[in-house]
Amino acid sequence: MKNSEIDQWLDAYDNPMKPVVIAMREIITQADPRVEECIKWQAPTFTYKGNIASFHPNSKKHASLLFHKGAEIEGNFPNLQGDGKEARTFKVSDLDDLAEKQDELSLIIKSWCDLKDKI
């Protein structure tokens, strides 16, 4: 479900990756109706029974989503990067790159929601 706070944030967002961030938001909010969005840590954040992911708003060479507990997401997702205990990142360099990664991003969101419903 879209949140007007995010619309306001995006209106003021001055970054060359803005079109990619907007497109990623569309993919995430359409991936699963259970997903909600809000502003946390001064950035758009997507939630369902906890924080799913937040944009890193200062990235200028790619749009970057931090999946706070990405290591818990079940499935094979090659674009969820990182080897830490919890967090993973998902980076997109431009709209063409996003088109290639769109299905994976949607599946990541659905997998998170499904995982949280099992708990």
C-alpha atoms as a PDB file:
ATOM      1  CA  MET A   1       0.000   0.000   0.000  1.00  0.00           C
ATOM      2  CA  LYS A   2       1.442   3.353  -1.023  1.00  0.00           C
ATOM      3  CA  ASN A   3       2.064   6.054   1.534  1.00  0.00           C
ATOM      4  CA  SER A   4       1.818   9.792   0.748  1.00  0.00           C
ATOM      5  CA  GLU A   5       4.879  10.391   2.966  1.00  0.00           C
ATOM      6  CA  ILE A   6       6.937   8.546   0.359  1.00  0.00           C
ATOM      7  CA  ASP A   7       5.441  10.666  -2.429  1.00  0.00           C
ATOM      8  CA  GLN A   8       6.519  13.809  -0.564  1.00  0.00           C
ATOM      9  CA  TRP A   9       9.977  12.363   0.072  1.00  0.00           C
ATOM     10  CA  LEU A  10      10.355  11.524  -3.621  1.00  0.00           C
ATOM     11  CA  ASP A  11       9.198  15.007  -4.660  1.00  0.00           C
ATOM     12  CA  ALA A  12      12.100  16.461  -2.681  1.00  0.00           C
ATOM     13  CA  TYR A  13      14.611  13.728  -3.605  1.00  0.00           C
ATOM     14  CA  ASP A  14      17.373  15.266  -5.714  1.00  0.00           C
ATOM     15  CA  ASN A  15      19.456  12.369  -7.006  1.00  0.00           C
ATOM     16  CA  PRO A  16      20.349  11.045 -10.473  1.00  0.00           C
ATOM     17  CA  MET A  17      18.972   7.627  -9.404  1.00  0.00           C
ATOM     18  CA  LYS A  18      15.487   9.036  -8.709  1.00  0.00           C
ATOM     19  CA  PRO A  19      13.848   7.331 -11.743  1.00  0.00           C
ATOM     20  CA  VAL A  20      15.300   3.974 -10.669  1.00  0.00           C
ATOM     21  CA  VAL A  21      14.179   4.451  -7.066  1.00  0.00           C
ATOM     22  CA  ILE A  22      10.658   5.300  -8.251  1.00  0.00           C
ATOM     23  CA  ALA A  23      10.563   2.228 -10.487  1.00  0.00           C
ATOM     24  CA  MET A  24      11.857  -0.014  -7.689  1.00  0.00           C
ATOM     25  CA  ARG A  25       9.160   1.337  -5.394  1.00  0.00           C
ATOM     26  CA  GLU A  26       6.524   0.387  -7.973  1.00  0.00           C
ATOM     27  CA  ILE A  27       7.879  -3.150  -8.230  1.00  0.00           C
ATOM     28  CA  ILE A  28       8.013  -3.587  -4.455  1.00  0.00           C
ATOM     29  CA  THR A  29       4.561  -2.189  -3.733  1.00  0.00           C
ATOM     30  CA  GLN A  30       3.038  -4.287  -6.529  1.00  0.00           C
ATOM     31  CA  ALA A  31       4.921  -7.467  -5.619  1.00  0.00           C
ATOM     32  CA  ASP A  32       2.733  -8.319  -2.650  1.00  0.00           C
ATOM     33  CA  PRO A  33      -0.343  -6.610  -1.160  1.00  0.00           C
ATOM     34  CA  ARG A  34       0.965  -7.288   2.354  1.00  0.00           C
ATOM     35  CA  VAL A  35       3.805  -4.779   1.921  1.00  0.00           C
ATOM     36  CA  GLU A  36       3.496  -1.348   3.492  1.00  0.00           C
ATOM     37  CA  GLU A  37       5.840   1.616   3.265  1.00  0.00           C
ATOM     38  CA  CYS A  38       6.927   4.419   5.533  1.00  0.00           C
ATOM     39  CA  ILE A  39       9.814   6.776   6.201  1.00  0.00           C
ATOM     40  CA  LYS A  40      12.390   5.390   8.630  1.00  0.00           C
ATOM     41  CA  TRP A  41      15.991   6.479   8.976  1.00  0.00           C
ATOM     42  CA  GLN A  42      15.119   9.420   6.670  1.00  0.00           C
ATOM     43  CA  ALA A  43      14.466   7.067   3.739  1.00  0.00           C
ATOM     44  CA  PRO A  44      11.636   5.043   2.219  1.00  0.00           C
ATOM     45  CA  THR A  45      11.313   1.741   4.056  1.00  0.00           C
ATOM     46  CA  PHE A  46       9.165  -1.252   3.166  1.00  0.00           C
ATOM     47  CA  THR A  47       7.642  -3.360   5.918  1.00  0.00           C
ATOM     48  CA  TYR A  48       5.652  -6.487   6.634  1.00  0.00           C
ATOM     49  CA  LYS A  49       5.748  -7.887  10.145  1.00  0.00           C
ATOM     50  CA  GLY A  50       9.032  -6.049  10.525  1.00  0.00           C
ATOM     51  CA  ASN A  51      11.354  -4.070   8.293  1.00  0.00           C
ATOM     52  CA  ILE A  52      11.956  -5.586   4.874  1.00  0.00           C
ATOM     53  CA  ALA A  53      14.238  -3.050   3.220  1.00  0.00           C
ATOM     54  CA  SER A  54      15.202   0.625   3.133  1.00  0.00           C
ATOM     55  CA  PHE A  55      16.650   2.695   0.326  1.00  0.00           C
ATOM     56  CA  HIS A  56      20.124   4.107   0.821  1.00  0.00           C
ATOM     57  CA  PRO A  57      19.261   7.614  -0.402  1.00  0.00           C
ATOM     58  CA  ASN A  58      22.793   8.944  -0.899  1.00  0.00           C
ATOM     59  CA  SER A  59      23.902   6.462  -3.569  1.00  0.00           C
ATOM     60  CA  LYS A  60      24.423   8.295  -6.859  1.00  0.00           C
ATOM     61  CA  LYS A  61      25.842   5.496  -9.055  1.00  0.00           C
ATOM     62  CA  HIS A  62      23.167   2.925  -8.232  1.00  0.00           C
ATOM     63  CA  ALA A  63      19.906   2.560  -6.347  1.00  0.00           C
ATOM     64  CA  SER A  64      20.574   0.511  -3.256  1.00  0.00           C
ATOM     65  CA  LEU A  65      18.131  -1.320  -1.016  1.00  0.00           C
ATOM     66  CA  LEU A  66      19.295  -2.593   2.346  1.00  0.00           C
ATOM     67  CA  PHE A  67      17.407  -5.749   3.305  1.00  0.00           C
ATOM     68  CA  HIS A  68      17.790  -5.533   7.064  1.00  0.00           C
ATOM     69  CA  LYS A  69      17.487  -9.285   7.640  1.00  0.00           C
ATOM     70  CA  GLY A  70      18.136 -10.394   4.086  1.00  0.00           C
ATOM     71  CA  ALA A  71      20.094 -13.446   5.213  1.00  0.00           C
ATOM     72  CA  GLU A  72      16.806 -14.900   6.509  1.00  0.00           C
ATOM     73  CA  ILE A  73      15.035 -14.740   3.151  1.00  0.00           C
ATOM     74  CA  GLU A  74      14.565 -18.229   1.769  1.00  0.00           C
ATOM     75  CA  GLY A  75      15.470 -18.857  -1.861  1.00  0.00           C
ATOM     76  CA  ASN A  76      18.257 -18.391  -4.355  1.00  0.00           C
ATOM     77  CA  PHE A  77      18.630 -14.682  -5.007  1.00  0.00           C
ATOM     78  CA  PRO A  78      21.987 -13.892  -6.644  1.00  0.00           C
ATOM     79  CA  ASN A  79      21.455 -10.116  -6.441  1.00  0.00           C
ATOM     80  CA  LEU A  80      21.026 -10.139  -2.646  1.00  0.00           C
ATOM     81  CA  GLN A  81      24.642  -9.383  -1.867  1.00  0.00           C
ATOM     82  CA  GLY A  82      26.604  -9.622   1.329  1.00  0.00           C
ATOM     83  CA  ASP A  83      27.895 -12.221   3.683  1.00  0.00           C
ATOM     84  CA  GLY A  84      27.185 -10.655   7.063  1.00  0.00           C
ATOM     85  CA  LYS A  85      25.061 -12.269   9.729  1.00  0.00           C
ATOM     86  CA  GLU A  86      21.846 -10.419   8.790  1.00  0.00           C
ATOM     87  CA  ALA A  87      21.855  -7.651   6.175  1.00  0.00           C
ATOM     88  CA  ARG A  88      21.975  -7.970   2.397  1.00  0.00           C
ATOM     89  CA  THR A  89      21.956  -5.312  -0.319  1.00  0.00           C
ATOM     90  CA  PHE A  90      20.242  -5.215  -3.681  1.00  0.00           C
ATOM     91  CA  LYS A  91      21.804  -2.749  -6.120  1.00  0.00           C
ATOM     92  CA  VAL A  92      20.512  -1.516  -9.456  1.00  0.00           C
ATOM     93  CA  SER A  93      22.617   0.624 -11.779  1.00  0.00           C
ATOM     94  CA  ASP A  94      19.903   1.923 -14.145  1.00  0.00           C
ATOM     95  CA  LEU A  95      16.437   1.198 -15.526  1.00  0.00           C
ATOM     96  CA  ASP A  96      17.761  -1.460 -17.935  1.00  0.00           C
ATOM     97  CA  ASP A  97      19.492  -3.243 -15.066  1.00  0.00           C
ATOM     98  CA  LEU A  98      16.259  -3.056 -13.085  1.00  0.00           C
ATOM     99  CA  ALA A  99      14.324  -4.612 -15.975  1.00  0.00           C
ATOM    100  CA  GLU A 100      16.696  -7.599 -15.778  1.00  0.00           C
ATOM    101  CA  LYS A 101      16.353  -7.861 -11.976  1.00  0.00           C
ATOM    102  CA  GLN A 102      12.662  -7.016 -11.625  1.00  0.00           C
ATOM    103  CA  ASP A 103      11.400 -10.593 -11.307  1.00  0.00           C
ATOM    104  CA  GLU A 104      14.005 -11.416  -8.684  1.00  0.00           C
ATOM    105  CA  LEU A 105      13.141  -8.304  -6.660  1.00  0.00           C
ATOM    106  CA  SER A 106       9.444  -9.241  -6.712  1.00  0.00           C
ATOM    107  CA  LEU A 107      10.234 -12.799  -5.598  1.00  0.00           C
ATOM    108  CA  ILE A 108      12.410 -11.528  -2.759  1.00  0.00           C
ATOM    109  CA  ILE A 109       9.536  -9.409  -1.460  1.00  0.00           C
ATOM    110  CA  LYS A 110       7.044 -12.287  -1.734  1.00  0.00           C
ATOM    111  CA  SER A 111       9.484 -14.675  -0.051  1.00  0.00           C
ATOM    112  CA  TRP A 112       9.894 -12.272   2.879  1.00  0.00           C
ATOM    113  CA  CYS A 113       6.135 -11.975   3.348  1.00  0.00           C
ATOM    114  CA  ASP A 114       5.665 -15.745   3.096  1.00  0.00           C
ATOM    115  CA  LEU A 115       8.461 -16.309   5.603  1.00  0.00           C
ATOM    116  CA  LYS A 116       6.903 -13.902   8.090  1.00  0.00           C
ATOM    117  CA  ASP A 117       3.531 -15.625   7.747  1.00  0.00           C
ATOM    118  CA  LYS A 118       5.136 -18.959   8.737  1.00  0.00           C
ATOM    119  CA  ILE A 119       6.482 -17.558  12.005  1.00  0.00           C
END
